[in-house]
Amino acid sequence: MKKGFEDMERKVVKMFAGEAGAVDAILYKEVDSIGITLGYILHYVFSGEQLANRDMNALISHYQNN
């Protein structure tokens, strides 16, 4: 059986607050229908930019260095 995009789910791993205290970015974990982690997505709330990586720590470092 072929799995499609609709079989993936995003789960919130961490939320990052900006200087004003509002949520600035959200780190999601993408999992398939049986719970296997496929990768992570860092979503910048205000710009809509999304970065994907298999390494959660790489995305956290990217956020902290920007």
C-alpha atoms as a PDB file:
ATOM      1  CA  MET A   1       0.000   0.000   0.000  1.00  0.00           C
ATOM      2  CA  LYS A   2       1.367   3.383  -0.982  1.00  0.00           C
ATOM      3  CA  LYS A   3       1.351   6.078   1.700  1.00  0.00           C
ATOM      4  CA  GLY A   4       0.490   9.625   0.761  1.00  0.00           C
ATOM      5  CA  PHE A   5       0.905  13.055   2.260  1.00  0.00           C
ATOM      6  CA  GLU A   6      -2.480  12.746   3.985  1.00  0.00           C
ATOM      7  CA  ASP A   7      -1.115   9.868   6.101  1.00  0.00           C
ATOM      8  CA  MET A   8       1.433  12.171   7.778  1.00  0.00           C
ATOM      9  CA  GLU A   9       0.713  14.091  10.940  1.00  0.00           C
ATOM     10  CA  ARG A  10       2.513  17.029  12.539  1.00  0.00           C
ATOM     11  CA  LYS A  11       3.023  17.089  16.291  1.00  0.00           C
ATOM     12  CA  VAL A  12       4.290  20.133  18.173  1.00  0.00           C
ATOM     13  CA  VAL A  13       7.667  19.509  19.801  1.00  0.00           C
ATOM     14  CA  LYS A  14       8.604  23.015  20.933  1.00  0.00           C
ATOM     15  CA  MET A  15       7.389  26.587  20.664  1.00  0.00           C
ATOM     16  CA  PHE A  16       9.788  29.533  20.606  1.00  0.00           C
ATOM     17  CA  ALA A  17       8.801  32.953  21.960  1.00  0.00           C
ATOM     18  CA  GLY A  18      10.178  36.192  20.562  1.00  0.00           C
ATOM     19  CA  GLU A  19      11.249  39.256  22.531  1.00  0.00           C
ATOM     20  CA  ALA A  20       7.651  40.473  22.936  1.00  0.00           C
ATOM     21  CA  GLY A  21       6.591  37.108  24.356  1.00  0.00           C
ATOM     22  CA  ALA A  22       4.525  36.109  21.322  1.00  0.00           C
ATOM     23  CA  VAL A  23       5.135  32.773  19.611  1.00  0.00           C
ATOM     24  CA  ASP A  24       7.808  33.359  16.982  1.00  0.00           C
ATOM     25  CA  ALA A  25       8.389  29.817  15.690  1.00  0.00           C
ATOM     26  CA  ILE A  26       7.054  26.301  16.151  1.00  0.00           C
ATOM     27  CA  LEU A  27       9.037  23.085  15.828  1.00  0.00           C
ATOM     28  CA  TYR A  28       6.959  20.180  14.519  1.00  0.00           C
ATOM     29  CA  LYS A  29       7.715  16.492  14.282  1.00  0.00           C
ATOM     30  CA  GLU A  30       6.301  14.782  11.192  1.00  0.00           C
ATOM     31  CA  VAL A  31       5.156  11.235  11.866  1.00  0.00           C
ATOM     32  CA  ASP A  32       3.533   8.679   9.603  1.00  0.00           C
ATOM     33  CA  SER A  33       0.388   6.700  10.356  1.00  0.00           C
ATOM     34  CA  ILE A  34       2.230   4.160  12.534  1.00  0.00           C
ATOM     35  CA  GLY A  35       4.187   6.748  14.541  1.00  0.00           C
ATOM     36  CA  ILE A  36       7.583   6.679  12.819  1.00  0.00           C
ATOM     37  CA  THR A  37       9.289  10.091  12.803  1.00  0.00           C
ATOM     38  CA  LEU A  38      10.010  11.205   9.251  1.00  0.00           C
ATOM     39  CA  GLY A  39      11.682  14.498  10.125  1.00  0.00           C
ATOM     40  CA  TYR A  40      11.174  17.898  11.698  1.00  0.00           C
ATOM     41  CA  ILE A  41       9.872  21.233  10.442  1.00  0.00           C
ATOM     42  CA  LEU A  42      10.657  24.654  11.898  1.00  0.00           C
ATOM     43  CA  HIS A  43       7.817  27.022  11.025  1.00  0.00           C
ATOM     44  CA  TYR A  44       8.360  30.767  11.469  1.00  0.00           C
ATOM     45  CA  VAL A  45       4.899  32.086  12.374  1.00  0.00           C
ATOM     46  CA  PHE A  46       5.071  35.650  11.058  1.00  0.00           C
ATOM     47  CA  SER A  47       6.879  35.033   7.766  1.00  0.00           C
ATOM     48  CA  GLY A  48       5.409  31.609   7.021  1.00  0.00           C
ATOM     49  CA  GLU A  49       8.891  30.261   6.221  1.00  0.00           C
ATOM     50  CA  GLN A  50       9.349  26.548   6.873  1.00  0.00           C
ATOM     51  CA  LEU A  51      12.633  24.678   7.168  1.00  0.00           C
ATOM     52  CA  ALA A  52      12.796  20.889   7.122  1.00  0.00           C
ATOM     53  CA  ASN A  53      15.526  18.645   8.480  1.00  0.00           C
ATOM     54  CA  ARG A  54      15.855  15.131   9.859  1.00  0.00           C
ATOM     55  CA  ASP A  55      17.867  16.497  12.801  1.00  0.00           C
ATOM     56  CA  MET A  56      15.813  18.366  15.390  1.00  0.00           C
ATOM     57  CA  ASN A  57      18.927  19.890  16.984  1.00  0.00           C
ATOM     58  CA  ALA A  58      20.010  21.424  13.673  1.00  0.00           C
ATOM     59  CA  LEU A  59      16.701  23.303  13.445  1.00  0.00           C
ATOM     60  CA  ILE A  60      16.918  24.437  17.075  1.00  0.00           C
ATOM     61  CA  SER A  61      20.439  25.734  16.453  1.00  0.00           C
ATOM     62  CA  HIS A  62      19.262  27.532  13.314  1.00  0.00           C
ATOM     63  CA  TYR A  63      16.540  29.314  15.293  1.00  0.00           C
ATOM     64  CA  GLN A  64      18.889  30.269  18.137  1.00  0.00           C
ATOM     65  CA  ASN A  65      21.505  31.659  15.746  1.00  0.00           C
ATOM     66  CA  ASN A  66      19.053  33.905  13.882  1.00  0.00           C
END
